[in-house]
Amino acid sequence: MTTLSVLDLATVSSGSTAADALADTVRLAPEVERLGYRRLWVAEHHGMPMVASSAPAVLIAHLANATTTLRVGAGGVMLPNHAPLVIAEQFGTLEALHPGRIDLGLGRAPGTDQVTARALRRSADVGPDAFPEDVVELINYLLASDAPASHPAAMPGRGYLPEMWLLGSSTFSAQLAGMLGLPFSFAYHFAPDLVDQALEQYRSNFRPSILLDEPHTMVAVSVVCASDEDQAKWLAGPSGLTMLQLRTGRPAPVATPEEAAAYPYTDQERALIETVTSSHLVGDPDQVHRGLVALQERTAADEIMISTRAHSYEARVQSLSLVADRWPMEPATRSSSTSAA
């Protein structure tokens, strides 16, 4: 059975603050758990006024404390920004505190501009070329086997192994995940054109490892679900405007639906939004359900991760609830926790 999970970007909305966004993500976690989703991931971004999840490890600690059975993690940590030893210690600590519930998804892009990336790692070498070596170094810090005397020790780290994933929006990380024997998550929500090729490359290159016996895939998709199609499109308006602002170098907090509707779009801007949101699932519960089923059948994904960018916390919870009501969740993922809202 294909399981559903949630990607939350700690959305900073128009009229709110980063503190508000982080508080909303933390109170969303018990709702996600109660609804039966398997995982809740947050993603590392820097310098983006609409995203507050610049420090995933810190936020994940709060999410884990707010839940009891839900897997929580990073989707992902942008490894070129960090020394692998630091990430090993951060996520080894999280795994020691919350055993069996921590995920570490690793991305190859910096998740920001090059000036910020250099400031993060304090080095001129901030490109993705060292990513394969960095991934292997990080895995070695976390595995329980004895390390050479010359090898630094991650403490906590060695023996505290989170579930590790590689993330990607192209075929590079797909091939690497296959060769290293790691689960692979594809960013269909912003790079839909390469999903089929990337998953084929992952599966054809897969080699069993100490971490994984057979290929395991996840596909992330943008979803806005509401009681009827018109309301869903209204609630999805801010997401389209946000994508436009990002693509044109004018990032801003996520607008209200009213602000998005009143924005003076040019014909070219409307065409750009239609292109970049063409893979998004926006509609009533039946429409979204059919879209998710079609995506799973197309990709044969073992898991689907839902990303819902909306102005309000209430709209995000409503969307996730309507999707969960129509999807057969695994009984083991159901939780008796109550809403923190």
C-alpha atoms as a PDB file:
ATOM      1  CA  MET A   1       0.000   0.000   0.000  1.00  0.00           C
ATOM      2  CA  THR A   2       1.371   3.401  -0.955  1.00  0.00           C
ATOM      3  CA  THR A   3       1.700   5.580   2.119  1.00  0.00           C
ATOM      4  CA  LEU A   4       1.226   9.337   2.287  1.00  0.00           C
ATOM      5  CA  SER A   5       3.486  11.811   4.056  1.00  0.00           C
ATOM      6  CA  VAL A   6       3.700  15.589   4.406  1.00  0.00           C
ATOM      7  CA  LEU A   7       6.304  18.181   3.468  1.00  0.00           C
ATOM      8  CA  ASP A   8       5.811  21.462   5.322  1.00  0.00           C
ATOM      9  CA  LEU A   9       7.823  24.574   4.528  1.00  0.00           C
ATOM     10  CA  ALA A  10       7.067  26.555   7.707  1.00  0.00           C
ATOM     11  CA  THR A  11       5.269  29.054   5.489  1.00  0.00           C
ATOM     12  CA  VAL A  12       5.624  32.715   6.419  1.00  0.00           C
ATOM     13  CA  SER A  13       2.409  34.350   5.275  1.00  0.00           C
ATOM     14  CA  SER A  14       1.563  37.959   4.566  1.00  0.00           C
ATOM     15  CA  GLY A  15       0.814  39.651   7.890  1.00  0.00           C
ATOM     16  CA  SER A  16       2.592  37.020   9.983  1.00  0.00           C
ATOM     17  CA  THR A  17       6.109  36.405  11.273  1.00  0.00           C
ATOM     18  CA  ALA A  18       8.687  33.629  11.172  1.00  0.00           C
ATOM     19  CA  ALA A  19       7.733  32.820  14.780  1.00  0.00           C
ATOM     20  CA  ASP A  20       4.108  32.390  13.687  1.00  0.00           C
ATOM     21  CA  ALA A  21       5.170  30.107  10.841  1.00  0.00           C
ATOM     22  CA  LEU A  22       7.281  27.891  13.095  1.00  0.00           C
ATOM     23  CA  ALA A  23       4.501  27.672  15.690  1.00  0.00           C
ATOM     24  CA  ASP A  24       2.043  26.629  12.966  1.00  0.00           C
ATOM     25  CA  THR A  25       4.364  23.864  11.749  1.00  0.00           C
ATOM     26  CA  VAL A  26       4.782  22.540  15.292  1.00  0.00           C
ATOM     27  CA  ARG A  27       1.029  22.501  15.927  1.00  0.00           C
ATOM     28  CA  LEU A  28       0.502  20.887  12.516  1.00  0.00           C
ATOM     29  CA  ALA A  29       2.616  17.870  13.507  1.00  0.00           C
ATOM     30  CA  PRO A  30       0.065  16.231  15.889  1.00  0.00           C
ATOM     31  CA  GLU A  31      -2.638  16.778  13.249  1.00  0.00           C
ATOM     32  CA  VAL A  32      -0.524  15.034  10.626  1.00  0.00           C
ATOM     33  CA  GLU A  33       0.058  12.180  13.071  1.00  0.00           C
ATOM     34  CA  ARG A  34      -3.641  11.919  13.986  1.00  0.00           C
ATOM     35  CA  LEU A  35      -4.656  11.806  10.319  1.00  0.00           C
ATOM     36  CA  GLY A  36      -2.420   8.800   9.704  1.00  0.00           C
ATOM     37  CA  TYR A  37       0.350  10.259   7.581  1.00  0.00           C
ATOM     38  CA  ARG A  38       3.662   8.431   7.895  1.00  0.00           C
ATOM     39  CA  ARG A  39       6.175  11.281   7.956  1.00  0.00           C
ATOM     40  CA  LEU A  40       6.434  15.027   8.342  1.00  0.00           C
ATOM     41  CA  TRP A  41       9.468  16.597   6.719  1.00  0.00           C
ATOM     42  CA  VAL A  42      10.763  20.159   6.713  1.00  0.00           C
ATOM     43  CA  ALA A  43      13.235  21.530   4.183  1.00  0.00           C
ATOM     44  CA  GLU A  44      16.325  23.697   4.490  1.00  0.00           C
ATOM     45  CA  HIS A  45      16.007  27.050   2.739  1.00  0.00           C
ATOM     46  CA  HIS A  46      17.948  30.252   3.304  1.00  0.00           C
ATOM     47  CA  GLY A  47      17.233  33.883   2.523  1.00  0.00           C
ATOM     48  CA  MET A  48      13.626  33.240   1.479  1.00  0.00           C
ATOM     49  CA  PRO A  49      11.076  35.496   3.181  1.00  0.00           C
ATOM     50  CA  MET A  50       8.285  32.925   2.725  1.00  0.00           C
ATOM     51  CA  VAL A  51      10.107  30.001   4.392  1.00  0.00           C
ATOM     52  CA  ALA A  52      11.195  29.808   8.058  1.00  0.00           C
ATOM     53  CA  SER A  53      12.790  26.338   8.060  1.00  0.00           C
ATOM     54  CA  SER A  54      16.405  27.438   7.723  1.00  0.00           C
ATOM     55  CA  ALA A  55      17.518  25.219  10.646  1.00  0.00           C
ATOM     56  CA  PRO A  56      15.845  21.819  10.108  1.00  0.00           C
ATOM     57  CA  ALA A  57      17.522  20.003  13.005  1.00  0.00           C
ATOM     58  CA  VAL A  58      16.259  22.561  15.512  1.00  0.00           C
ATOM     59  CA  LEU A  59      12.715  22.459  14.132  1.00  0.00           C
ATOM     60  CA  ILE A  60      12.690  18.653  13.924  1.00  0.00           C
ATOM     61  CA  ALA A  61      13.443  18.439  17.655  1.00  0.00           C
ATOM     62  CA  HIS A  62      10.265  20.413  18.362  1.00  0.00           C
ATOM     63  CA  LEU A  63       8.228  18.313  15.913  1.00  0.00           C
ATOM     64  CA  ALA A  64       9.403  15.099  17.535  1.00  0.00           C
ATOM     65  CA  ASN A  65       8.528  16.420  20.988  1.00  0.00           C
ATOM     66  CA  ALA A  66       5.034  17.333  19.765  1.00  0.00           C
ATOM     67  CA  THR A  67       4.322  13.800  18.477  1.00  0.00           C
ATOM     68  CA  THR A  68       4.698  10.197  19.577  1.00  0.00           C
ATOM     69  CA  THR A  69       4.619   7.871  16.539  1.00  0.00           C
ATOM     70  CA  LEU A  70       5.074  10.138  13.506  1.00  0.00           C
ATOM     71  CA  ARG A  71       8.407   9.972  11.692  1.00  0.00           C
ATOM     72  CA  VAL A  72       9.889  13.466  11.433  1.00  0.00           C
ATOM     73  CA  GLY A  73      12.848  14.634   9.443  1.00  0.00           C
ATOM     74  CA  ALA A  74      14.522  16.768   6.851  1.00  0.00           C
ATOM     75  CA  GLY A  75      13.494  16.795   3.241  1.00  0.00           C
ATOM     76  CA  GLY A  76      16.089  17.868   3.160  1.00  0.00           C
ATOM     77  CA  VAL A  77      19.363  19.059   4.558  1.00  0.00           C
ATOM     78  CA  MET A  78      21.352  20.711   1.768  1.00  0.00           C
ATOM     79  CA  LEU A  79      24.642  18.938   2.380  1.00  0.00           C
ATOM     80  CA  PRO A  80      26.891  21.293   0.333  1.00  0.00           C
ATOM     81  CA  ASN A  81      26.156  23.935   2.993  1.00  0.00           C
ATOM     82  CA  HIS A  82      27.582  21.888   5.858  1.00  0.00           C
ATOM     83  CA  ALA A  83      30.467  19.773   7.046  1.00  0.00           C
ATOM     84  CA  PRO A  84      29.229  16.142   7.110  1.00  0.00           C
ATOM     85  CA  LEU A  85      30.463  15.722  10.691  1.00  0.00           C
ATOM     86  CA  VAL A  86      28.155  18.513  11.894  1.00  0.00           C
ATOM     87  CA  ILE A  87      25.112  16.902  10.266  1.00  0.00           C
ATOM     88  CA  ALA A  88      26.087  13.505  11.683  1.00  0.00           C
ATOM     89  CA  GLU A  89      26.216  14.955  15.188  1.00  0.00           C
ATOM     90  CA  GLN A  90      22.949  16.876  14.792  1.00  0.00           C
ATOM     91  CA  PHE A  91      20.955  13.940  13.466  1.00  0.00           C
ATOM     92  CA  GLY A  92      22.726  11.433  15.684  1.00  0.00           C
ATOM     93  CA  THR A  93      21.545  13.556  18.607  1.00  0.00           C
ATOM     94  CA  LEU A  94      17.980  13.598  17.264  1.00  0.00           C
ATOM     95  CA  GLU A  95      18.022   9.822  16.763  1.00  0.00           C
ATOM     96  CA  ALA A  96      19.371   9.308  20.290  1.00  0.00           C
ATOM     97  CA  LEU A  97      16.553  11.461  21.674  1.00  0.00           C
ATOM     98  CA  HIS A  98      13.805   9.973  19.472  1.00  0.00           C
ATOM     99  CA  PRO A  99      14.957   6.491  18.407  1.00  0.00           C
ATOM    100  CA  GLY A 100      13.372   5.049  15.298  1.00  0.00           C
ATOM    101  CA  ARG A 101      11.534   8.250  14.326  1.00  0.00           C
ATOM    102  CA  ILE A 102      14.125  10.474  12.624  1.00  0.00           C
ATOM    103  CA  ASP A 103      14.660  10.822   8.862  1.00  0.00           C
ATOM    104  CA  LEU A 104      17.615  12.505   7.187  1.00  0.00           C
ATOM    105  CA  GLY A 105      17.033  13.446   3.567  1.00  0.00           C
ATOM    106  CA  LEU A 106      20.042  14.906   1.802  1.00  0.00           C
ATOM    107  CA  GLY A 107      19.971  17.379  -1.076  1.00  0.00           C
ATOM    108  CA  ARG A 108      22.711  18.341  -3.523  1.00  0.00           C
ATOM    109  CA  ALA A 109      21.655  21.946  -4.177  1.00  0.00           C
ATOM    110  CA  PRO A 110      22.515  24.739  -1.728  1.00  0.00           C
ATOM    111  CA  GLY A 111      18.887  25.834  -1.391  1.00  0.00           C
ATOM    112  CA  THR A 112      19.932  29.451  -1.695  1.00  0.00           C
ATOM    113  CA  ASP A 113      22.152  31.825  -3.680  1.00  0.00           C
ATOM    114  CA  GLN A 114      25.898  31.294  -3.912  1.00  0.00           C
ATOM    115  CA  VAL A 115      26.767  34.244  -1.656  1.00  0.00           C
ATOM    116  CA  THR A 116      24.659  32.790   1.151  1.00  0.00           C
ATOM    117  CA  ALA A 117      25.982  29.300   0.467  1.00  0.00           C
ATOM    118  CA  ARG A 118      29.544  30.524   0.869  1.00  0.00           C
ATOM    119  CA  ALA A 119      28.649  32.279   4.115  1.00  0.00           C
ATOM    120  CA  LEU A 120      27.124  29.038   5.432  1.00  0.00           C
ATOM    121  CA  ARG A 121      30.133  26.854   4.769  1.00  0.00           C
ATOM    122  CA  ARG A 122      32.814  29.562   4.995  1.00  0.00           C
ATOM    123  CA  SER A 123      34.583  28.180   1.931  1.00  0.00           C
ATOM    124  CA  ALA A 124      34.958  29.007  -1.727  1.00  0.00           C
ATOM    125  CA  ASP A 125      34.147  25.381  -2.523  1.00  0.00           C
ATOM    126  CA  VAL A 126      30.386  25.401  -2.085  1.00  0.00           C
ATOM    127  CA  GLY A 127      29.438  23.570  -5.272  1.00  0.00           C
ATOM    128  CA  PRO A 128      27.777  20.163  -5.557  1.00  0.00           C
ATOM    129  CA  ASP A 129      30.824  18.339  -6.985  1.00  0.00           C
ATOM    130  CA  ALA A 130      31.851  16.889  -3.614  1.00  0.00           C
ATOM    131  CA  PHE A 131      28.317  15.689  -2.814  1.00  0.00           C
ATOM    132  CA  PRO A 132      28.900  11.934  -3.387  1.00  0.00           C
ATOM    133  CA  GLU A 133      31.989  11.946  -1.171  1.00  0.00           C
ATOM    134  CA  ASP A 134      30.203  14.005   1.479  1.00  0.00           C
ATOM    135  CA  VAL A 135      27.292  11.553   1.548  1.00  0.00           C
ATOM    136  CA  VAL A 136      29.616   8.575   2.015  1.00  0.00           C
ATOM    137  CA  GLU A 137      31.542  10.435   4.722  1.00  0.00           C
ATOM    138  CA  LEU A 138      28.307  11.217   6.554  1.00  0.00           C
ATOM    139  CA  ILE A 139      27.092   7.611   6.359  1.00  0.00           C
ATOM    140  CA  ASN A 140      30.401   6.395   7.765  1.00  0.00           C
ATOM    141  CA  TYR A 141      30.063   8.725  10.751  1.00  0.00           C
ATOM    142  CA  LEU A 142      26.684   7.195  11.570  1.00  0.00           C
ATOM    143  CA  LEU A 143      27.229   3.484  10.993  1.00  0.00           C
ATOM    144  CA  ALA A 144      27.928   1.374  14.056  1.00  0.00           C
ATOM    145  CA  SER A 145      31.114  -0.250  12.718  1.00  0.00           C
ATOM    146  CA  ASP A 146      34.449   0.705  14.227  1.00  0.00           C
ATOM    147  CA  ALA A 147      36.166   3.670  12.605  1.00  0.00           C
ATOM    148  CA  PRO A 148      39.899   3.948  11.863  1.00  0.00           C
ATOM    149  CA  ALA A 149      41.881   5.726  14.559  1.00  0.00           C
ATOM    150  CA  SER A 150      42.485   8.596  12.140  1.00  0.00           C
ATOM    151  CA  HIS A 151      38.769   9.009  11.475  1.00  0.00           C
ATOM    152  CA  PRO A 152      36.908  11.657  13.543  1.00  0.00           C
ATOM    153  CA  ALA A 153      34.155  10.375  15.814  1.00  0.00           C
ATOM    154  CA  ALA A 154      30.654  11.841  15.696  1.00  0.00           C
ATOM    155  CA  MET A 155      29.280  11.942  19.249  1.00  0.00           C
ATOM    156  CA  PRO A 156      26.376  11.403  19.294  1.00  0.00           C
ATOM    157  CA  GLY A 157      26.517   9.864  15.885  1.00  0.00           C
ATOM    158  CA  ARG A 158      28.038   6.430  15.482  1.00  0.00           C
ATOM    159  CA  GLY A 159      25.347   3.853  16.145  1.00  0.00           C
ATOM    160  CA  TYR A 160      22.522   6.430  16.122  1.00  0.00           C
ATOM    161  CA  LEU A 161      21.431   6.035  12.535  1.00  0.00           C
ATOM    162  CA  PRO A 162      18.410   7.975  11.244  1.00  0.00           C
ATOM    163  CA  GLU A 163      16.625   6.716   8.151  1.00  0.00           C
ATOM    164  CA  MET A 164      18.661   8.218   5.321  1.00  0.00           C
ATOM    165  CA  TRP A 165      17.353   9.348   1.938  1.00  0.00           C
ATOM    166  CA  LEU A 166      18.737  11.088  -1.089  1.00  0.00           C
ATOM    167  CA  LEU A 167      16.579  13.798  -2.643  1.00  0.00           C
ATOM    168  CA  GLY A 168      16.662  14.976  -6.215  1.00  0.00           C
ATOM    169  CA  SER A 169      15.064  16.887  -9.061  1.00  0.00           C
ATOM    170  CA  SER A 170      17.283  15.365 -11.773  1.00  0.00           C
ATOM    171  CA  THR A 171      18.907  12.057 -12.633  1.00  0.00           C
ATOM    172  CA  PHE A 172      22.206  12.738 -10.802  1.00  0.00           C
ATOM    173  CA  SER A 173      20.988  12.037  -7.269  1.00  0.00           C
ATOM    174  CA  ALA A 174      18.742   9.266  -8.592  1.00  0.00           C
ATOM    175  CA  GLN A 175      21.736   7.375  -9.934  1.00  0.00           C
ATOM    176  CA  LEU A 176      23.781   8.086  -6.804  1.00  0.00           C
ATOM    177  CA  ALA A 177      20.981   6.885  -4.506  1.00  0.00           C
ATOM    178  CA  GLY A 178      20.786   3.672  -6.509  1.00  0.00           C
ATOM    179  CA  MET A 179      24.523   3.047  -6.424  1.00  0.00           C
ATOM    180  CA  LEU A 180      24.705   3.726  -2.666  1.00  0.00           C
ATOM    181  CA  GLY A 181      21.614   1.642  -1.886  1.00  0.00           C
ATOM    182  CA  LEU A 182      19.587   4.471  -0.329  1.00  0.00           C
ATOM    183  CA  PRO A 183      15.892   5.395  -0.608  1.00  0.00           C
ATOM    184  CA  PHE A 184      15.217   8.115  -3.173  1.00  0.00           C
ATOM    185  CA  SER A 185      12.698  10.967  -3.101  1.00  0.00           C
ATOM    186  CA  PHE A 186      11.977  12.912  -6.281  1.00  0.00           C
ATOM    187  CA  ALA A 187      10.855  16.561  -6.268  1.00  0.00           C
ATOM    188  CA  TYR A 188       7.961  16.201  -8.704  1.00  0.00           C
ATOM    189  CA  HIS A 189       6.353  19.236  -7.057  1.00  0.00           C
ATOM    190  CA  PHE A 190       8.798  21.582  -8.793  1.00  0.00           C
ATOM    191  CA  ALA A 191      10.556  19.427 -11.450  1.00  0.00           C
ATOM    192  CA  PRO A 192       7.863  17.160 -12.926  1.00  0.00           C
ATOM    193  CA  ASP A 193       9.392  16.662 -16.370  1.00  0.00           C
ATOM    194  CA  LEU A 194      12.197  14.347 -15.208  1.00  0.00           C
ATOM    195  CA  VAL A 195      10.288  12.123 -12.792  1.00  0.00           C
ATOM    196  CA  ASP A 196      10.010   9.084 -15.071  1.00  0.00           C
ATOM    197  CA  GLN A 197      13.637   9.215 -16.182  1.00  0.00           C
ATOM    198  CA  ALA A 198      14.948   9.768 -12.653  1.00  0.00           C
ATOM    199  CA  LEU A 199      13.005   6.876 -11.140  1.00  0.00           C
ATOM    200  CA  GLU A 200      14.082   4.562 -13.970  1.00  0.00           C
ATOM    201  CA  GLN A 201      17.707   5.560 -13.419  1.00  0.00           C
ATOM    202  CA  TYR A 202      17.385   4.962  -9.681  1.00  0.00           C
ATOM    203  CA  ARG A 203      15.870   1.510 -10.059  1.00  0.00           C
ATOM    204  CA  SER A 204      18.234   0.382 -12.809  1.00  0.00           C
ATOM    205  CA  ASN A 205      21.297   1.523 -10.833  1.00  0.00           C
ATOM    206  CA  PHE A 206      20.171   0.179  -7.458  1.00  0.00           C
ATOM    207  CA  ARG A 207      22.598  -1.966  -5.500  1.00  0.00           C
ATOM    208  CA  PRO A 208      21.522  -3.486  -2.167  1.00  0.00           C
ATOM    209  CA  SER A 209      23.365  -2.016   0.801  1.00  0.00           C
ATOM    210  CA  ILE A 210      23.629  -2.367   4.547  1.00  0.00           C
ATOM    211  CA  LEU A 211      20.914   0.325   4.711  1.00  0.00           C
ATOM    212  CA  LEU A 212      18.417  -0.968   2.132  1.00  0.00           C
ATOM    213  CA  ASP A 213      17.725  -4.325   0.451  1.00  0.00           C
ATOM    214  CA  GLU A 214      15.645  -3.153  -2.517  1.00  0.00           C
ATOM    215  CA  PRO A 215      14.678   0.138  -4.215  1.00  0.00           C
ATOM    216  CA  HIS A 216      12.336   2.415  -2.283  1.00  0.00           C
ATOM    217  CA  THR A 217      10.916   5.562  -3.855  1.00  0.00           C
ATOM    218  CA  MET A 218       8.950   8.619  -2.834  1.00  0.00           C
ATOM    219  CA  VAL A 219       7.464  11.316  -5.050  1.00  0.00           C
ATOM    220  CA  ALA A 220       6.634  14.771  -3.667  1.00  0.00           C
ATOM    221  CA  VAL A 221       3.643  16.595  -5.163  1.00  0.00           C
ATOM    222  CA  SER A 222       1.939  19.937  -4.523  1.00  0.00           C
ATOM    223  CA  VAL A 223      -1.678  19.561  -3.391  1.00  0.00           C
ATOM    224  CA  VAL A 224      -4.424  21.983  -2.436  1.00  0.00           C
ATOM    225  CA  CYS A 225      -7.700  20.247  -1.642  1.00  0.00           C
ATOM    226  CA  ALA A 226     -10.954  21.902  -0.586  1.00  0.00           C
ATOM    227  CA  SER A 227     -14.630  21.045  -0.446  1.00  0.00           C
ATOM    228  CA  ASP A 228     -15.148  22.173  -4.039  1.00  0.00           C
ATOM    229  CA  GLU A 229     -12.946  23.005  -7.005  1.00  0.00           C
ATOM    230  CA  ASP A 230     -13.578  26.750  -6.952  1.00  0.00           C
ATOM    231  CA  GLN A 231     -12.528  27.056  -3.315  1.00  0.00           C
ATOM    232  CA  ALA A 232      -9.426  24.964  -3.952  1.00  0.00           C
ATOM    233  CA  LYS A 233      -8.384  27.216  -6.842  1.00  0.00           C
ATOM    234  CA  TRP A 234      -8.996  30.272  -4.645  1.00  0.00           C
ATOM    235  CA  LEU A 235      -6.813  28.853  -1.878  1.00  0.00           C
ATOM    236  CA  ALA A 236      -4.127  27.859  -4.401  1.00  0.00           C
ATOM    237  CA  GLY A 237      -3.865  31.388  -5.809  1.00  0.00           C
ATOM    238  CA  PRO A 238      -1.176  32.466  -3.319  1.00  0.00           C
ATOM    239  CA  SER A 239       0.967  29.444  -4.232  1.00  0.00           C
ATOM    240  CA  GLY A 240       0.924  30.429  -7.883  1.00  0.00           C
ATOM    241  CA  LEU A 241       1.890  34.001  -7.047  1.00  0.00           C
ATOM    242  CA  THR A 242       4.705  32.742  -4.810  1.00  0.00           C
ATOM    243  CA  MET A 243       6.068  30.613  -7.652  1.00  0.00           C
ATOM    244  CA  LEU A 244       5.938  33.635  -9.955  1.00  0.00           C
ATOM    245  CA  GLN A 245       7.780  35.802  -7.427  1.00  0.00           C
ATOM    246  CA  LEU A 246      10.466  33.158  -6.948  1.00  0.00           C
ATOM    247  CA  ARG A 247      10.991  32.648 -10.671  1.00  0.00           C
ATOM    248  CA  THR A 248      11.280  36.390 -11.279  1.00  0.00           C
ATOM    249  CA  GLY A 249      13.616  37.136  -8.356  1.00  0.00           C
ATOM    250  CA  ARG A 250      11.050  38.891  -6.161  1.00  0.00           C
ATOM    251  CA  PRO A 251      10.473  36.505  -3.226  1.00  0.00           C
ATOM    252  CA  ALA A 252       7.957  37.663  -0.624  1.00  0.00           C
ATOM    253  CA  PRO A 253       5.800  36.196   2.168  1.00  0.00           C
ATOM    254  CA  VAL A 254       2.892  34.118   0.901  1.00  0.00           C
ATOM    255  CA  ALA A 255       0.016  36.403  -0.076  1.00  0.00           C
ATOM    256  CA  THR A 256      -3.582  36.072   1.052  1.00  0.00           C
ATOM    257  CA  PRO A 257      -6.039  34.667  -1.514  1.00  0.00           C
ATOM    258  CA  GLU A 258      -7.463  38.171  -1.838  1.00  0.00           C
ATOM    259  CA  GLU A 259      -4.029  39.644  -2.535  1.00  0.00           C
ATOM    260  CA  ALA A 260      -3.268  36.928  -5.074  1.00  0.00           C
ATOM    261  CA  ALA A 261      -6.582  37.497  -6.864  1.00  0.00           C
ATOM    262  CA  ALA A 262      -6.020  41.263  -7.000  1.00  0.00           C
ATOM    263  CA  TYR A 263      -2.457  41.030  -8.332  1.00  0.00           C
ATOM    264  CA  PRO A 264      -2.162  42.688 -11.804  1.00  0.00           C
ATOM    265  CA  TYR A 265      -0.844  39.681 -13.751  1.00  0.00           C
ATOM    266  CA  THR A 266       0.406  40.164 -17.282  1.00  0.00           C
ATOM    267  CA  ASP A 267      -0.373  37.550 -19.907  1.00  0.00           C
ATOM    268  CA  GLN A 268       3.235  36.367 -19.707  1.00  0.00           C
ATOM    269  CA  GLU A 269       3.019  36.014 -15.926  1.00  0.00           C
ATOM    270  CA  ARG A 270      -0.190  34.016 -16.161  1.00  0.00           C
ATOM    271  CA  ALA A 271       1.441  31.730 -18.709  1.00  0.00           C
ATOM    272  CA  LEU A 272       4.459  31.239 -16.431  1.00  0.00           C
ATOM    273  CA  ILE A 273       2.241  30.349 -13.466  1.00  0.00           C
ATOM    274  CA  GLU A 274       0.280  27.882 -15.582  1.00  0.00           C
ATOM    275  CA  THR A 275       3.536  26.212 -16.626  1.00  0.00           C
ATOM    276  CA  VAL A 276       5.158  25.978 -13.190  1.00  0.00           C
ATOM    277  CA  THR A 277       1.965  24.745 -11.502  1.00  0.00           C
ATOM    278  CA  SER A 278       0.915  22.303 -14.215  1.00  0.00           C
ATOM    279  CA  SER A 279       1.763  19.278 -12.054  1.00  0.00           C
ATOM    280  CA  HIS A 280      -0.043  20.592  -8.955  1.00  0.00           C
ATOM    281  CA  LEU A 281      -3.171  18.779  -7.803  1.00  0.00           C
ATOM    282  CA  VAL A 282      -5.820  21.394  -7.029  1.00  0.00           C
ATOM    283  CA  GLY A 283      -9.462  20.491  -6.606  1.00  0.00           C
ATOM    284  CA  ASP A 284     -12.127  18.767  -4.564  1.00  0.00           C
ATOM    285  CA  PRO A 285     -11.442  15.479  -2.738  1.00  0.00           C
ATOM    286  CA  ASP A 286     -12.448  13.316  -5.709  1.00  0.00           C
ATOM    287  CA  GLN A 287     -10.269  15.256  -8.144  1.00  0.00           C
ATOM    288  CA  VAL A 288      -7.238  15.203  -5.871  1.00  0.00           C
ATOM    289  CA  HIS A 289      -7.703  11.530  -5.063  1.00  0.00           C
ATOM    290  CA  ARG A 290      -7.807  10.647  -8.749  1.00  0.00           C
ATOM    291  CA  GLY A 291      -4.677  12.707  -9.313  1.00  0.00           C
ATOM    292  CA  LEU A 292      -2.800  10.948  -6.516  1.00  0.00           C
ATOM    293  CA  VAL A 293      -3.865   7.528  -7.780  1.00  0.00           C
ATOM    294  CA  ALA A 294      -2.746   8.431 -11.301  1.00  0.00           C
ATOM    295  CA  LEU A 295       0.613   9.679 -10.008  1.00  0.00           C
ATOM    296  CA  GLN A 296       1.188   6.495  -8.036  1.00  0.00           C
ATOM    297  CA  GLU A 297       0.244   4.313 -10.982  1.00  0.00           C
ATOM    298  CA  ARG A 298       2.524   6.295 -13.286  1.00  0.00           C
ATOM    299  CA  THR A 299       5.552   6.258 -10.966  1.00  0.00           C
ATOM    300  CA  ALA A 300       4.978   3.060  -8.918  1.00  0.00           C
ATOM    301  CA  ALA A 301       6.163   5.136  -5.956  1.00  0.00           C
ATOM    302  CA  ASP A 302       6.235   3.397  -2.592  1.00  0.00           C
ATOM    303  CA  GLU A 303       5.318   6.685  -0.903  1.00  0.00           C
ATOM    304  CA  ILE A 304       3.829  10.013  -1.923  1.00  0.00           C
ATOM    305  CA  MET A 305       4.696  13.186  -0.037  1.00  0.00           C
ATOM    306  CA  ILE A 306       2.210  16.043  -0.115  1.00  0.00           C
ATOM    307  CA  SER A 307       3.307  19.675  -0.030  1.00  0.00           C
ATOM    308  CA  THR A 308       0.532  22.198   0.609  1.00  0.00           C
ATOM    309  CA  ARG A 309       1.462  25.859   0.352  1.00  0.00           C
ATOM    310  CA  ALA A 310      -1.451  28.007   1.490  1.00  0.00           C
ATOM    311  CA  HIS A 311      -1.737  31.326   3.288  1.00  0.00           C
ATOM    312  CA  SER A 312      -3.415  29.992   6.414  1.00  0.00           C
ATOM    313  CA  TYR A 313      -2.772  27.125   8.786  1.00  0.00           C
ATOM    314  CA  GLU A 314      -6.481  26.270   8.628  1.00  0.00           C
ATOM    315  CA  ALA A 315      -6.373  25.832   4.843  1.00  0.00           C
ATOM    316  CA  ARG A 316      -3.393  23.476   5.133  1.00  0.00           C
ATOM    317  CA  VAL A 317      -5.094  21.349   7.785  1.00  0.00           C
ATOM    318  CA  GLN A 318      -8.330  21.260   5.803  1.00  0.00           C
ATOM    319  CA  SER A 319      -6.504  20.117   2.675  1.00  0.00           C
ATOM    320  CA  LEU A 320      -4.567  17.376   4.481  1.00  0.00           C
ATOM    321  CA  SER A 321      -7.722  16.188   6.257  1.00  0.00           C
ATOM    322  CA  LEU A 322      -9.725  15.902   3.043  1.00  0.00           C
ATOM    323  CA  VAL A 323      -6.934  13.962   1.352  1.00  0.00           C
ATOM    324  CA  ALA A 324      -6.544  11.595   4.313  1.00  0.00           C
ATOM    325  CA  ASP A 325     -10.273  10.913   4.428  1.00  0.00           C
ATOM    326  CA  ARG A 326     -10.116   9.428   0.934  1.00  0.00           C
ATOM    327  CA  TRP A 327      -6.802   7.549   1.200  1.00  0.00           C
ATOM    328  CA  PRO A 328      -6.460   4.125   2.879  1.00  0.00           C
ATOM    329  CA  MET A 329      -3.908   4.859   5.583  1.00  0.00           C
ATOM    330  CA  GLU A 330      -1.955   1.993   7.091  1.00  0.00           C
ATOM    331  CA  PRO A 331      -3.392   1.086  10.525  1.00  0.00           C
ATOM    332  CA  ALA A 332       0.081   1.107  12.075  1.00  0.00           C
ATOM    333  CA  THR A 333       0.469   4.787  11.279  1.00  0.00           C
ATOM    334  CA  ARG A 334      -2.789   5.817  12.930  1.00  0.00           C
ATOM    335  CA  SER A 335      -2.300   7.732  16.148  1.00  0.00           C
ATOM    336  CA  SER A 336      -4.547   8.397  19.125  1.00  0.00           C
ATOM    337  CA  SER A 337      -3.022  11.839  19.686  1.00  0.00           C
ATOM    338  CA  THR A 338      -5.368  14.775  19.786  1.00  0.00           C
ATOM    339  CA  SER A 339      -5.213  18.028  17.919  1.00  0.00           C
ATOM    340  CA  ALA A 340      -2.826  20.680  19.181  1.00  0.00           C
ATOM    341  CA  ALA A 341      -4.718  23.378  17.368  1.00  0.00           C
END
